Amino acid sequence: MKSETKQKILEAGAAIMHRKGYHHTGIQEVLAAAGVPKGSFYFYFKNKEAFGLAVVDYFSEMFASHLAPVLEDTSVKPLMRLERVFDHFIRYFAEMEFALGCPIGNLAQEMGDLSPVFQEKLRDAMDGLTRVFAGLLQEARHNGELGEHIDISETAGFIVSSWQGALIRMKVVQSAEPLKIHKRIILQQLIA
């Protein structure tokens, strides 16, 4: 029962924070959306900052679970799995009508330079995604799909950074086109 209540708070808060950002998300609003009393919040979270940090973990875990079936399908070559990851997110953001962007990226823009603990948590989240891409690239090199001239660590970091930029542009133009261009250019460079 207790973990169910915490999960309700996290899910409701994550949805609101994704839409409105950290500073414009109120605890009362989260509790009303979750349908739980105020005391429940402070039972699970010391304060709003602790809650925000838990929301970052929630988003990281959510995206990891979404991607697990694609990443773990070793019957598909690594660069094809990379393409499928991009395609998964392109569909996801299309379903969101290109309005919300990446919750981790949004929080990084809002909180990344305001709070050292948020900065560290967000860096860990982005580093986790970078490691996912680095793993695929390393696998691709091992399989002979990726040349030795590609620096795996730098390329994985660039994929994450450029993806975040494409997501910002996606929100402005209300289209998947920036994400599709990102995917095409990254894959062209890796395959070249």
N, C-alpha and C. Protein backbone atom coordinates (compact mmCIF):
# COMPACT_ATOMS: atom_id res chain seq x y z
N MET A 1 0.83 -1.20 0.00
CA MET A 1 0.00 0.00 0.00
C MET A 1 0.87 1.26 0.00
N LYS A 2 1.95 1.24 0.85
CA LYS A 2 2.80 2.41 0.95
C LYS A 2 3.50 2.70 -0.38
N SER A 3 4.08 1.67 -0.99
CA SER A 3 4.80 1.90 -2.25
C SER A 3 3.83 2.29 -3.36
N GLU A 4 2.59 1.83 -3.27
CA GLU A 4 1.57 2.21 -4.25
C GLU A 4 1.27 3.71 -4.16
N THR A 5 1.18 4.23 -2.94
CA THR A 5 0.94 5.65 -2.73
C THR A 5 2.11 6.47 -3.25
N LYS A 6 3.32 6.05 -2.94
CA LYS A 6 4.51 6.75 -3.43
C LYS A 6 4.52 6.76 -4.95
N GLN A 7 4.18 5.64 -5.56
CA GLN A 7 4.15 5.55 -7.02
C GLN A 7 3.10 6.50 -7.61
N LYS A 8 1.94 6.59 -6.97
CA LYS A 8 0.90 7.52 -7.43
C LYS A 8 1.41 8.96 -7.41
N ILE A 9 2.10 9.31 -6.32
CA ILE A 9 2.64 10.67 -6.19
C ILE A 9 3.68 10.92 -7.28
N LEU A 10 4.56 9.96 -7.48
CA LEU A 10 5.60 10.12 -8.50
C LEU A 10 5.01 10.24 -9.90
N GLU A 11 4.06 9.38 -10.22
CA GLU A 11 3.45 9.42 -11.56
C GLU A 11 2.73 10.74 -11.80
N ALA A 12 1.94 11.16 -10.82
CA ALA A 12 1.21 12.42 -10.98
C ALA A 12 2.17 13.60 -11.06
N GLY A 13 3.15 13.61 -10.17
CA GLY A 13 4.12 14.70 -10.16
C GLY A 13 4.98 14.73 -11.41
N ALA A 14 5.37 13.57 -11.90
CA ALA A 14 6.18 13.52 -13.12
C ALA A 14 5.41 14.07 -14.31
N ALA A 15 4.13 13.73 -14.41
CA ALA A 15 3.32 14.24 -15.52
C ALA A 15 3.19 15.76 -15.45
N ILE A 16 2.96 16.28 -14.25
CA ILE A 16 2.82 17.73 -14.10
C ILE A 16 4.16 18.42 -14.35
N MET A 17 5.22 17.87 -13.78
CA MET A 17 6.54 18.48 -13.94
C MET A 17 7.00 18.44 -15.40
N HIS A 18 6.65 17.39 -16.11
CA HIS A 18 6.99 17.31 -17.53
C HIS A 18 6.30 18.43 -18.30
N ARG A 19 5.09 18.72 -17.93
CA ARG A 19 4.30 19.74 -18.62
C ARG A 19 4.67 21.16 -18.17
N LYS A 20 4.91 21.35 -16.87
CA LYS A 20 5.03 22.70 -16.32
C LYS A 20 6.43 23.06 -15.81
N GLY A 21 7.29 22.06 -15.64
CA GLY A 21 8.61 22.33 -15.07
C GLY A 21 8.60 22.21 -13.56
N TYR A 22 9.79 22.24 -13.00
CA TYR A 22 9.96 22.07 -11.55
C TYR A 22 9.35 23.24 -10.78
N HIS A 23 9.72 24.46 -11.15
CA HIS A 23 9.30 25.62 -10.38
C HIS A 23 7.79 25.88 -10.44
N HIS A 24 7.15 25.46 -11.50
CA HIS A 24 5.71 25.71 -11.65
C HIS A 24 4.86 24.52 -11.23
N THR A 25 5.50 23.55 -10.60
CA THR A 25 4.77 22.39 -10.08
C THR A 25 4.64 22.55 -8.57
N GLY A 26 3.40 22.58 -8.11
CA GLY A 26 3.15 22.72 -6.68
C GLY A 26 2.83 21.39 -6.03
N ILE A 27 3.24 21.26 -4.79
CA ILE A 27 3.01 20.01 -4.06
C ILE A 27 1.51 19.73 -3.94
N GLN A 28 0.71 20.76 -3.64
CA GLN A 28 -0.73 20.57 -3.52
C GLN A 28 -1.34 20.07 -4.83
N GLU A 29 -0.86 20.61 -5.94
CA GLU A 29 -1.34 20.18 -7.25
C GLU A 29 -1.01 18.71 -7.50
N VAL A 30 0.18 18.30 -7.10
CA VAL A 30 0.60 16.91 -7.26
C VAL A 30 -0.28 16.00 -6.41
N LEU A 31 -0.49 16.38 -5.16
CA LEU A 31 -1.29 15.55 -4.26
C LEU A 31 -2.74 15.44 -4.73
N ALA A 32 -3.28 16.54 -5.24
CA ALA A 32 -4.65 16.51 -5.77
C ALA A 32 -4.72 15.57 -6.97
N ALA A 33 -3.74 15.66 -7.86
CA ALA A 33 -3.73 14.79 -9.04
C ALA A 33 -3.55 13.32 -8.65
N ALA A 34 -2.77 13.08 -7.60
CA ALA A 34 -2.54 11.71 -7.14
C ALA A 34 -3.68 11.19 -6.28
N GLY A 35 -4.49 12.12 -5.76
CA GLY A 35 -5.60 11.71 -4.89
C GLY A 35 -5.14 11.21 -3.54
N VAL A 36 -4.10 11.84 -2.98
CA VAL A 36 -3.59 11.43 -1.67
C VAL A 36 -3.49 12.65 -0.75
N PRO A 37 -3.57 12.44 0.57
CA PRO A 37 -3.49 13.56 1.51
C PRO A 37 -2.07 14.12 1.63
N LYS A 38 -1.97 15.37 2.10
CA LYS A 38 -0.70 16.08 2.18
C LYS A 38 0.34 15.33 3.01
N GLY A 39 -0.07 14.72 4.09
CA GLY A 39 0.87 13.99 4.94
C GLY A 39 1.60 12.88 4.19
N SER A 40 0.95 12.35 3.17
CA SER A 40 1.58 11.28 2.39
C SER A 40 2.84 11.77 1.69
N PHE A 41 2.81 13.00 1.22
CA PHE A 41 3.97 13.54 0.51
C PHE A 41 5.19 13.53 1.42
N TYR A 42 5.04 14.09 2.60
CA TYR A 42 6.18 14.23 3.51
C TYR A 42 6.59 12.91 4.16
N PHE A 43 5.75 11.91 4.06
CA PHE A 43 6.14 10.58 4.52
C PHE A 43 7.20 10.01 3.57
N TYR A 44 7.06 10.30 2.27
CA TYR A 44 7.95 9.73 1.27
C TYR A 44 9.08 10.67 0.83
N PHE A 45 8.86 11.97 0.94
CA PHE A 45 9.83 12.93 0.44
C PHE A 45 10.09 14.00 1.49
N LYS A 46 11.36 14.27 1.75
CA LYS A 46 11.74 15.25 2.76
C LYS A 46 11.24 16.65 2.40
N ASN A 47 11.31 16.96 1.10
CA ASN A 47 10.92 18.29 0.62
C ASN A 47 10.72 18.22 -0.89
N LYS A 48 10.42 19.35 -1.49
CA LYS A 48 10.17 19.38 -2.93
C LYS A 48 11.41 19.00 -3.72
N GLU A 49 12.57 19.43 -3.25
CA GLU A 49 13.80 19.09 -3.96
C GLU A 49 14.01 17.57 -4.00
N ALA A 50 13.82 16.91 -2.87
CA ALA A 50 13.95 15.44 -2.83
C ALA A 50 12.95 14.79 -3.78
N PHE A 51 11.75 15.35 -3.84
CA PHE A 51 10.74 14.85 -4.77
C PHE A 51 11.21 15.04 -6.22
N GLY A 52 11.72 16.23 -6.54
CA GLY A 52 12.21 16.49 -7.90
C GLY A 52 13.32 15.53 -8.30
N LEU A 53 14.21 15.23 -7.38
CA LEU A 53 15.29 14.28 -7.66
C LEU A 53 14.72 12.88 -7.91
N ALA A 54 13.69 12.52 -7.15
CA ALA A 54 13.04 11.22 -7.37
C ALA A 54 12.33 11.18 -8.72
N VAL A 55 11.81 12.32 -9.16
CA VAL A 55 11.17 12.39 -10.47
C VAL A 55 12.20 12.17 -11.58
N VAL A 56 13.40 12.69 -11.42
CA VAL A 56 14.46 12.44 -12.41
C VAL A 56 14.72 10.93 -12.50
N ASP A 57 14.82 10.27 -11.34
CA ASP A 57 15.01 8.81 -11.34
C ASP A 57 13.83 8.10 -12.00
N TYR A 58 12.62 8.58 -11.71
CA TYR A 58 11.42 8.00 -12.29
C TYR A 58 11.48 8.04 -13.82
N PHE A 59 11.84 9.21 -14.36
CA PHE A 59 11.93 9.34 -15.82
C PHE A 59 13.04 8.46 -16.39
N SER A 60 14.17 8.40 -15.72
CA SER A 60 15.28 7.56 -16.20
C SER A 60 14.85 6.09 -16.25
N GLU A 61 14.19 5.64 -15.20
CA GLU A 61 13.73 4.25 -15.14
C GLU A 61 12.64 3.98 -16.18
N MET A 62 11.76 4.96 -16.37
CA MET A 62 10.67 4.79 -17.34
C MET A 62 11.24 4.62 -18.75
N PHE A 63 12.18 5.49 -19.12
CA PHE A 63 12.75 5.39 -20.47
C PHE A 63 13.58 4.13 -20.61
N ALA A 64 14.29 3.72 -19.56
CA ALA A 64 15.07 2.47 -19.62
C ALA A 64 14.14 1.28 -19.87
N SER A 65 12.99 1.27 -19.20
CA SER A 65 12.06 0.15 -19.40
C SER A 65 11.44 0.19 -20.80
N HIS A 66 11.20 1.39 -21.33
CA HIS A 66 10.68 1.51 -22.70
C HIS A 66 11.68 0.97 -23.72
N LEU A 67 12.95 1.23 -23.47
CA LEU A 67 13.98 0.87 -24.45
C LEU A 67 14.51 -0.55 -24.30
N ALA A 68 14.30 -1.16 -23.15
CA ALA A 68 14.87 -2.48 -22.90
C ALA A 68 14.56 -3.49 -24.00
N PRO A 69 13.32 -3.61 -24.48
CA PRO A 69 13.06 -4.60 -25.52
C PRO A 69 13.88 -4.36 -26.80
N VAL A 70 14.08 -3.09 -27.15
CA VAL A 70 14.86 -2.76 -28.35
C VAL A 70 16.33 -3.06 -28.10
N LEU A 71 16.85 -2.59 -26.98
CA LEU A 71 18.28 -2.72 -26.69
C LEU A 71 18.71 -4.17 -26.48
N GLU A 72 17.83 -4.97 -25.92
CA GLU A 72 18.17 -6.35 -25.57
C GLU A 72 17.95 -7.34 -26.71
N ASP A 73 17.41 -6.89 -27.82
CA ASP A 73 17.16 -7.78 -28.95
C ASP A 73 18.43 -7.94 -29.78
N THR A 74 19.29 -8.84 -29.34
CA THR A 74 20.59 -9.02 -30.00
C THR A 74 20.48 -9.72 -31.35
N SER A 75 19.27 -10.12 -31.75
CA SER A 75 19.11 -10.66 -33.10
C SER A 75 19.17 -9.53 -34.14
N VAL A 76 19.09 -8.28 -33.65
CA VAL A 76 19.15 -7.11 -34.52
C VAL A 76 20.53 -6.47 -34.34
N LYS A 77 21.15 -6.09 -35.45
CA LYS A 77 22.48 -5.48 -35.39
C LYS A 77 22.43 -4.19 -34.57
N PRO A 78 23.55 -3.85 -33.91
CA PRO A 78 23.57 -2.69 -33.01
C PRO A 78 23.16 -1.36 -33.66
N LEU A 79 23.64 -1.07 -34.86
CA LEU A 79 23.27 0.22 -35.46
C LEU A 79 21.79 0.24 -35.85
N MET A 80 21.23 -0.91 -36.16
CA MET A 80 19.79 -0.98 -36.42
C MET A 80 19.02 -0.76 -35.12
N ARG A 81 19.55 -1.28 -34.01
CA ARG A 81 18.91 -1.03 -32.71
C ARG A 81 18.98 0.45 -32.36
N LEU A 82 20.10 1.10 -32.68
CA LEU A 82 20.22 2.54 -32.46
C LEU A 82 19.14 3.27 -33.26
N GLU A 83 18.97 2.89 -34.50
CA GLU A 83 17.92 3.49 -35.33
C GLU A 83 16.54 3.26 -34.72
N ARG A 84 16.32 2.07 -34.19
CA ARG A 84 15.03 1.76 -33.57
C ARG A 84 14.79 2.58 -32.30
N VAL A 85 15.87 2.88 -31.56
CA VAL A 85 15.74 3.75 -30.39
C VAL A 85 15.26 5.13 -30.84
N PHE A 86 15.91 5.67 -31.88
CA PHE A 86 15.48 6.96 -32.41
C PHE A 86 14.02 6.90 -32.86
N ASP A 87 13.67 5.85 -33.59
CA ASP A 87 12.30 5.71 -34.09
C ASP A 87 11.29 5.63 -32.94
N HIS A 88 11.67 4.92 -31.88
CA HIS A 88 10.79 4.81 -30.71
C HIS A 88 10.48 6.20 -30.16
N PHE A 89 11.53 6.99 -29.98
CA PHE A 89 11.33 8.33 -29.42
C PHE A 89 10.62 9.26 -30.39
N ILE A 90 10.85 9.11 -31.67
CA ILE A 90 10.13 9.93 -32.65
C ILE A 90 8.62 9.65 -32.54
N ARG A 91 8.25 8.38 -32.43
CA ARG A 91 6.83 8.03 -32.26
C ARG A 91 6.30 8.58 -30.93
N TYR A 92 7.09 8.42 -29.87
CA TYR A 92 6.69 8.89 -28.55
C TYR A 92 6.39 10.39 -28.58
N PHE A 93 7.29 11.18 -29.14
CA PHE A 93 7.09 12.63 -29.16
C PHE A 93 5.98 13.03 -30.12
N ALA A 94 5.77 12.26 -31.17
CA ALA A 94 4.64 12.53 -32.07
C ALA A 94 3.32 12.32 -31.31
N GLU A 95 3.25 11.26 -30.49
CA GLU A 95 2.06 11.02 -29.69
C GLU A 95 1.82 12.15 -28.69
N MET A 96 2.90 12.81 -28.25
CA MET A 96 2.80 13.93 -27.32
C MET A 96 2.57 15.24 -28.07
N GLU A 97 2.36 15.14 -29.38
CA GLU A 97 2.12 16.29 -30.26
C GLU A 97 3.27 17.30 -30.21
N PHE A 98 4.48 16.77 -30.01
CA PHE A 98 5.72 17.57 -30.05
C PHE A 98 5.74 18.71 -29.05
N ALA A 99 4.94 18.59 -27.98
CA ALA A 99 4.77 19.72 -27.08
C ALA A 99 5.65 19.67 -25.83
N LEU A 100 5.99 18.52 -25.35
CA LEU A 100 6.61 18.46 -24.03
C LEU A 100 8.13 18.30 -24.05
N GLY A 101 8.67 17.72 -25.07
CA GLY A 101 10.11 17.50 -25.09
C GLY A 101 10.54 16.43 -24.11
N CYS A 102 11.84 16.35 -23.91
CA CYS A 102 12.42 15.36 -22.99
C CYS A 102 12.35 15.89 -21.56
N PRO A 103 11.75 15.14 -20.64
CA PRO A 103 11.64 15.64 -19.27
C PRO A 103 13.00 15.85 -18.62
N ILE A 104 13.97 14.99 -18.92
CA ILE A 104 15.31 15.14 -18.35
C ILE A 104 15.97 16.39 -18.94
N GLY A 105 15.85 16.57 -20.25
CA GLY A 105 16.41 17.75 -20.90
C GLY A 105 15.75 19.03 -20.40
N ASN A 106 14.43 18.99 -20.25
CA ASN A 106 13.72 20.17 -19.74
C ASN A 106 14.21 20.54 -18.34
N LEU A 107 14.33 19.54 -17.47
CA LEU A 107 14.80 19.81 -16.11
C LEU A 107 16.26 20.26 -16.11
N ALA A 108 17.05 19.73 -17.03
CA ALA A 108 18.45 20.16 -17.12
C ALA A 108 18.52 21.64 -17.48
N GLN A 109 17.67 22.07 -18.40
CA GLN A 109 17.65 23.49 -18.77
C GLN A 109 17.17 24.35 -17.62
N GLU A 110 16.18 23.87 -16.88
CA GLU A 110 15.60 24.66 -15.81
C GLU A 110 16.46 24.65 -14.54
N MET A 111 16.99 23.48 -14.17
CA MET A 111 17.61 23.32 -12.86
C MET A 111 19.12 23.03 -12.90
N GLY A 112 19.65 22.75 -14.08
CA GLY A 112 21.02 22.28 -14.19
C GLY A 112 22.07 23.21 -13.63
N ASP A 113 21.81 24.51 -13.64
CA ASP A 113 22.80 25.43 -13.10
C ASP A 113 22.31 26.16 -11.84
N LEU A 114 21.19 25.72 -11.29
CA LEU A 114 20.63 26.38 -10.10
C LEU A 114 20.84 25.58 -8.82
N SER A 115 20.97 24.28 -8.97
CA SER A 115 21.06 23.42 -7.80
C SER A 115 22.13 22.36 -8.02
N PRO A 116 23.17 22.35 -7.19
CA PRO A 116 24.23 21.34 -7.35
C PRO A 116 23.71 19.90 -7.29
N VAL A 117 22.74 19.63 -6.40
CA VAL A 117 22.25 18.25 -6.31
C VAL A 117 21.44 17.87 -7.55
N PHE A 118 20.68 18.82 -8.09
CA PHE A 118 19.97 18.56 -9.34
C PHE A 118 20.97 18.38 -10.48
N GLN A 119 21.98 19.23 -10.50
CA GLN A 119 23.00 19.15 -11.54
C GLN A 119 23.62 17.75 -11.56
N GLU A 120 23.97 17.24 -10.39
CA GLU A 120 24.58 15.91 -10.30
C GLU A 120 23.60 14.82 -10.74
N LYS A 121 22.36 14.92 -10.29
CA LYS A 121 21.35 13.91 -10.63
C LYS A 121 21.07 13.91 -12.13
N LEU A 122 20.95 15.10 -12.71
CA LEU A 122 20.68 15.22 -14.15
C LEU A 122 21.88 14.77 -14.97
N ARG A 123 23.07 15.08 -14.51
CA ARG A 123 24.28 14.61 -15.19
C ARG A 123 24.32 13.08 -15.18
N ASP A 124 23.99 12.49 -14.04
CA ASP A 124 23.95 11.02 -13.95
C ASP A 124 22.94 10.44 -14.94
N ALA A 125 21.78 11.09 -15.05
CA ALA A 125 20.74 10.61 -15.98
C ALA A 125 21.24 10.69 -17.42
N MET A 126 21.86 11.81 -17.78
CA MET A 126 22.36 11.96 -19.15
C MET A 126 23.56 11.04 -19.40
N ASP A 127 24.38 10.86 -18.38
CA ASP A 127 25.51 9.93 -18.52
C ASP A 127 25.00 8.50 -18.72
N GLY A 128 23.89 8.17 -18.06
CA GLY A 128 23.31 6.84 -18.24
C GLY A 128 22.87 6.62 -19.68
N LEU A 129 22.24 7.62 -20.27
CA LEU A 129 21.83 7.52 -21.67
C LEU A 129 23.05 7.46 -22.58
N THR A 130 24.07 8.23 -22.25
CA THR A 130 25.30 8.20 -23.04
C THR A 130 25.92 6.81 -23.00
N ARG A 131 25.90 6.17 -21.83
CA ARG A 131 26.43 4.80 -21.72
C ARG A 131 25.64 3.81 -22.57
N VAL A 132 24.33 4.02 -22.67
CA VAL A 132 23.51 3.15 -23.52
C VAL A 132 23.99 3.25 -24.97
N PHE A 133 24.15 4.48 -25.44
CA PHE A 133 24.61 4.67 -26.82
C PHE A 133 26.03 4.15 -26.99
N ALA A 134 26.89 4.38 -26.01
CA ALA A 134 28.27 3.89 -26.09
C ALA A 134 28.29 2.37 -26.17
N GLY A 135 27.40 1.72 -25.43
CA GLY A 135 27.33 0.26 -25.48
C GLY A 135 26.93 -0.25 -26.86
N LEU A 136 25.97 0.42 -27.46
CA LEU A 136 25.57 0.04 -28.82
C LEU A 136 26.71 0.27 -29.81
N LEU A 137 27.40 1.39 -29.67
CA LEU A 137 28.51 1.68 -30.58
C LEU A 137 29.67 0.69 -30.39
N GLN A 138 29.93 0.34 -29.14
CA GLN A 138 30.99 -0.64 -28.86
C GLN A 138 30.63 -1.99 -29.48
N GLU A 139 29.38 -2.36 -29.35
CA GLU A 139 28.90 -3.61 -29.95
C GLU A 139 29.03 -3.55 -31.47
N ALA A 140 28.67 -2.40 -32.04
CA ALA A 140 28.78 -2.23 -33.49
C ALA A 140 30.23 -2.35 -33.94
N ARG A 141 31.16 -1.79 -33.17
CA ARG A 141 32.58 -1.93 -33.51
C ARG A 141 33.00 -3.40 -33.44
N HIS A 142 32.58 -4.06 -32.40
CA HIS A 142 32.94 -5.48 -32.23
C HIS A 142 32.40 -6.32 -33.39
N ASN A 143 31.23 -5.95 -33.91
CA ASN A 143 30.62 -6.69 -35.02
C ASN A 143 31.12 -6.24 -36.39
N GLY A 144 32.01 -5.26 -36.41
CA GLY A 144 32.55 -4.78 -37.68
C GLY A 144 31.67 -3.75 -38.38
N GLU A 145 30.65 -3.24 -37.70
CA GLU A 145 29.76 -2.24 -38.30
C GLU A 145 30.32 -0.82 -38.16
N LEU A 146 31.24 -0.62 -37.25
CA LEU A 146 31.71 0.72 -36.92
C LEU A 146 33.23 0.78 -37.04
N GLY A 147 33.70 1.77 -37.78
CA GLY A 147 35.13 1.90 -38.02
C GLY A 147 35.90 2.32 -36.77
N GLU A 148 37.21 2.06 -36.80
CA GLU A 148 38.09 2.40 -35.68
C GLU A 148 38.26 3.91 -35.53
N HIS A 149 37.96 4.67 -36.57
CA HIS A 149 38.14 6.12 -36.52
C HIS A 149 37.10 6.83 -35.65
N ILE A 150 36.05 6.13 -35.29
CA ILE A 150 34.98 6.71 -34.46
C ILE A 150 35.38 6.60 -32.99
N ASP A 151 35.41 7.74 -32.30
CA ASP A 151 35.64 7.75 -30.86
C ASP A 151 34.29 7.46 -30.19
N ILE A 152 34.19 6.31 -29.57
CA ILE A 152 32.90 5.84 -29.04
C ILE A 152 32.36 6.76 -27.95
N SER A 153 33.19 7.13 -27.01
CA SER A 153 32.74 7.96 -25.90
C SER A 153 32.29 9.34 -26.39
N GLU A 154 33.10 9.98 -27.22
CA GLU A 154 32.72 11.30 -27.74
C GLU A 154 31.47 11.23 -28.60
N THR A 155 31.38 10.20 -29.41
CA THR A 155 30.22 10.06 -30.30
C THR A 155 28.94 9.83 -29.51
N ALA A 156 29.02 8.98 -28.48
CA ALA A 156 27.84 8.73 -27.64
C ALA A 156 27.40 10.02 -26.95
N GLY A 157 28.35 10.79 -26.44
CA GLY A 157 28.02 12.06 -25.81
C GLY A 157 27.42 13.04 -26.80
N PHE A 158 27.96 13.05 -28.03
CA PHE A 158 27.44 13.94 -29.06
C PHE A 158 26.01 13.55 -29.44
N ILE A 159 25.74 12.27 -29.51
CA ILE A 159 24.38 11.81 -29.84
C ILE A 159 23.38 12.36 -28.82
N VAL A 160 23.72 12.26 -27.53
CA VAL A 160 22.81 12.75 -26.49
C VAL A 160 22.66 14.27 -26.59
N SER A 161 23.77 14.98 -26.74
CA SER A 161 23.73 16.45 -26.80
C SER A 161 22.95 16.94 -28.02
N SER A 162 23.24 16.36 -29.16
CA SER A 162 22.56 16.81 -30.38
C SER A 162 21.09 16.40 -30.37
N TRP A 163 20.76 15.28 -29.75
CA TRP A 163 19.37 14.86 -29.61
C TRP A 163 18.59 15.89 -28.79
N GLN A 164 19.21 16.35 -27.69
CA GLN A 164 18.53 17.36 -26.87
C GLN A 164 18.29 18.63 -27.67
N GLY A 165 19.24 19.02 -28.49
CA GLY A 165 19.05 20.19 -29.35
C GLY A 165 17.93 19.98 -30.35
N ALA A 166 17.88 18.78 -30.93
CA ALA A 166 16.81 18.47 -31.88
C ALA A 166 15.45 18.51 -31.20
N LEU A 167 15.39 18.09 -29.93
CA LEU A 167 14.12 18.13 -29.19
C LEU A 167 13.68 19.56 -28.93
N ILE A 168 14.62 20.44 -28.65
CA ILE A 168 14.26 21.85 -28.45
C ILE A 168 13.66 22.41 -29.74
N ARG A 169 14.33 22.12 -30.85
CA ARG A 169 13.82 22.61 -32.14
C ARG A 169 12.47 21.98 -32.47
N MET A 170 12.30 20.70 -32.14
CA MET A 170 11.03 20.01 -32.38
C MET A 170 9.87 20.74 -31.71
N LYS A 171 10.09 21.19 -30.46
CA LYS A 171 9.02 21.89 -29.74
C LYS A 171 8.67 23.21 -30.42
N VAL A 172 9.66 23.87 -30.98
CA VAL A 172 9.44 25.17 -31.61
C VAL A 172 8.72 25.02 -32.95
N VAL A 173 9.12 24.02 -33.74
CA VAL A 173 8.52 23.86 -35.07
C VAL A 173 7.31 22.92 -35.05
N GLN A 174 7.06 22.26 -33.89
CA GLN A 174 5.93 21.36 -33.74
C GLN A 174 5.92 20.28 -34.83
N SER A 175 7.08 19.65 -34.99
CA SER A 175 7.24 18.66 -36.05
C SER A 175 8.33 17.66 -35.65
N ALA A 176 8.23 16.46 -36.20
CA ALA A 176 9.27 15.44 -35.99
C ALA A 176 10.49 15.67 -36.88
N GLU A 177 10.41 16.62 -37.77
CA GLU A 177 11.48 16.81 -38.75
C GLU A 177 12.87 16.97 -38.12
N PRO A 178 13.05 17.79 -37.06
CA PRO A 178 14.39 17.89 -36.46
C PRO A 178 14.90 16.54 -35.93
N LEU A 179 14.00 15.72 -35.41
CA LEU A 179 14.40 14.40 -34.89
C LEU A 179 14.79 13.47 -36.04
N LYS A 180 14.05 13.55 -37.13
CA LYS A 180 14.36 12.72 -38.30
C LYS A 180 15.69 13.13 -38.93
N ILE A 181 15.94 14.43 -38.97
CA ILE A 181 17.23 14.91 -39.51
C ILE A 181 18.36 14.44 -38.61
N HIS A 182 18.17 14.55 -37.31
CA HIS A 182 19.19 14.09 -36.35
C HIS A 182 19.50 12.62 -36.59
N LYS A 183 18.47 11.81 -36.67
CA LYS A 183 18.66 10.38 -36.87
C LYS A 183 19.42 10.11 -38.17
N ARG A 184 19.00 10.75 -39.23
CA ARG A 184 19.62 10.52 -40.54
C ARG A 184 21.11 10.90 -40.52
N ILE A 185 21.43 12.06 -39.98
CA ILE A 185 22.82 12.52 -39.99
C ILE A 185 23.69 11.63 -39.09
N ILE A 186 23.21 11.30 -37.92
CA ILE A 186 23.99 10.43 -37.02
C ILE A 186 24.27 9.10 -37.69
N LEU A 187 23.24 8.48 -38.27
CA LEU A 187 23.44 7.16 -38.87
C LEU A 187 24.33 7.25 -40.11
N GLN A 188 24.19 8.31 -40.91
CA GLN A 188 25.07 8.49 -42.07
C GLN A 188 26.53 8.58 -41.63
N GLN A 189 26.78 9.33 -40.57
CA GLN A 189 28.16 9.48 -40.10
C GLN A 189 28.73 8.19 -39.54
N LEU A 190 27.90 7.42 -38.87
CA LEU A 190 28.37 6.16 -38.29
C LEU A 190 28.62 5.11 -39.35
N ILE A 191 27.78 5.10 -40.37
CA ILE A 191 27.90 4.07 -41.41
C ILE A 191 28.96 4.43 -42.44
N ALA A 192 29.24 5.72 -42.61
CA ALA A 192 30.16 6.18 -43.65
C ALA A 192 31.54 5.55 -43.54
